[in-house]
Amino acid sequence: MRARIVKIGNSQGIRIPKPIIEQAGISEDVDIIVENKKIIICPISKPRSGWDEAFRKMAENGDDLLIDSEQPISHSWDETEWHW
């Protein structure tokens, strides 16, 4: 498909037909990168998608304890003496 560059204020742009936007899964924001003289437009995935499920699994496994709690935490790193 061909598109014409149009002036938009002090910038330039192209109009992307709605069917193409829907096919690409774009709904709002996009990432735009340039690779080998090509402009690549990608939908931005939700950066925190799946966190609810991950936190639920952590709670089930007991992996959701605060590390700054009253209980001391020991790790093999604590046994190493640091010299500055």
Protein backbone atom coordinates (compact mmCIF):
# COMPACT_ATOMS: atom_id res chain seq x y z
CA MET A 1 0.00 0.00 0.00
CA ARG A 2 1.23 3.48 -0.80
CA ALA A 3 0.70 6.51 1.39
CA ARG A 4 1.46 10.17 0.93
CA ILE A 5 3.45 12.22 3.43
CA VAL A 6 1.29 15.09 4.71
CA LYS A 7 2.19 18.20 6.66
CA ILE A 8 0.92 18.22 10.26
CA GLY A 9 1.90 21.51 11.89
CA ASN A 10 5.71 21.64 11.92
CA SER A 11 5.89 17.87 11.43
CA GLN A 12 5.01 15.40 8.75
CA GLY A 13 3.01 12.21 8.91
CA ILE A 14 1.00 9.60 7.11
CA ARG A 15 -2.59 8.49 7.48
CA ILE A 16 -2.94 4.82 8.31
CA PRO A 17 -6.26 3.24 7.33
CA LYS A 18 -8.33 1.84 10.20
CA PRO A 19 -8.26 -1.78 8.90
CA ILE A 20 -4.45 -1.75 8.96
CA ILE A 21 -4.38 -0.35 12.49
CA GLU A 22 -6.82 -3.06 13.60
CA GLN A 23 -4.80 -5.78 11.85
CA ALA A 24 -1.66 -4.64 13.67
CA GLY A 25 -3.44 -4.71 17.03
CA ILE A 26 -2.84 -1.03 17.65
CA SER A 27 -5.29 0.67 19.98
CA GLU A 28 -3.53 3.66 21.51
CA ASP A 29 0.19 4.31 21.96
CA VAL A 30 2.86 2.85 19.71
CA ASP A 31 6.62 2.39 19.66
CA ILE A 32 8.33 3.87 16.62
CA ILE A 33 11.84 2.75 15.70
CA VAL A 34 14.05 3.08 12.65
CA GLU A 35 15.95 0.01 11.45
CA ASN A 36 17.90 -0.17 8.20
CA LYS A 37 16.18 2.95 6.84
CA LYS A 38 12.74 1.49 7.65
CA ILE A 39 10.20 2.96 10.07
CA ILE A 40 8.69 0.27 12.28
CA ILE A 41 5.51 1.02 14.23
CA CYS A 42 4.56 -1.49 16.94
CA PRO A 43 1.76 -1.52 19.48
CA ILE A 44 2.93 -0.96 23.03
CA SER A 45 2.19 -3.95 25.16
CA LYS A 46 0.86 -3.28 28.62
CA PRO A 47 4.06 -3.28 30.70
CA ARG A 48 2.35 -4.65 33.81
CA SER A 49 0.08 -7.17 32.16
CA GLY A 50 0.16 -10.46 34.02
CA TRP A 51 1.40 -8.93 37.29
CA ASP A 52 -1.84 -9.79 39.13
CA GLU A 53 -1.41 -13.46 38.30
CA ALA A 54 2.30 -13.40 39.16
CA PHE A 55 1.61 -11.78 42.54
CA ARG A 56 -1.12 -14.33 43.25
CA LYS A 57 1.32 -17.19 42.56
CA MET A 58 3.97 -15.52 44.74
CA ALA A 59 1.49 -15.32 47.62
CA GLU A 60 0.54 -18.98 47.19
CA ASN A 61 4.24 -19.96 47.30
CA GLY A 62 5.05 -17.66 50.24
CA ASP A 63 7.40 -15.62 48.07
CA ASP A 64 5.71 -12.31 48.85
CA LEU A 65 7.40 -11.48 52.17
CA LEU A 66 8.77 -7.98 52.64
CA ILE A 67 12.55 -7.92 52.69
CA ASP A 68 12.62 -4.99 55.10
CA SER A 69 10.49 -6.72 57.72
CA GLU A 70 11.45 -7.22 61.37
CA GLN A 71 12.76 -10.71 60.64
CA PRO A 72 16.46 -10.93 59.76
CA ILE A 73 17.18 -12.31 56.33
CA SER A 74 20.31 -14.32 55.77
CA HIS A 75 21.83 -15.16 52.47
CA SER A 76 25.16 -16.54 51.36
CA TRP A 77 26.00 -13.00 50.25
CA ASP A 78 25.86 -11.93 53.89
CA GLU A 79 28.73 -14.29 54.70
CA THR A 80 31.10 -12.52 52.32
CA GLU A 81 33.08 -9.74 53.86
CA TRP A 82 33.23 -6.63 51.73
CA HIS A 83 36.31 -4.44 51.43
CA TRP A 84 36.12 -1.02 49.85
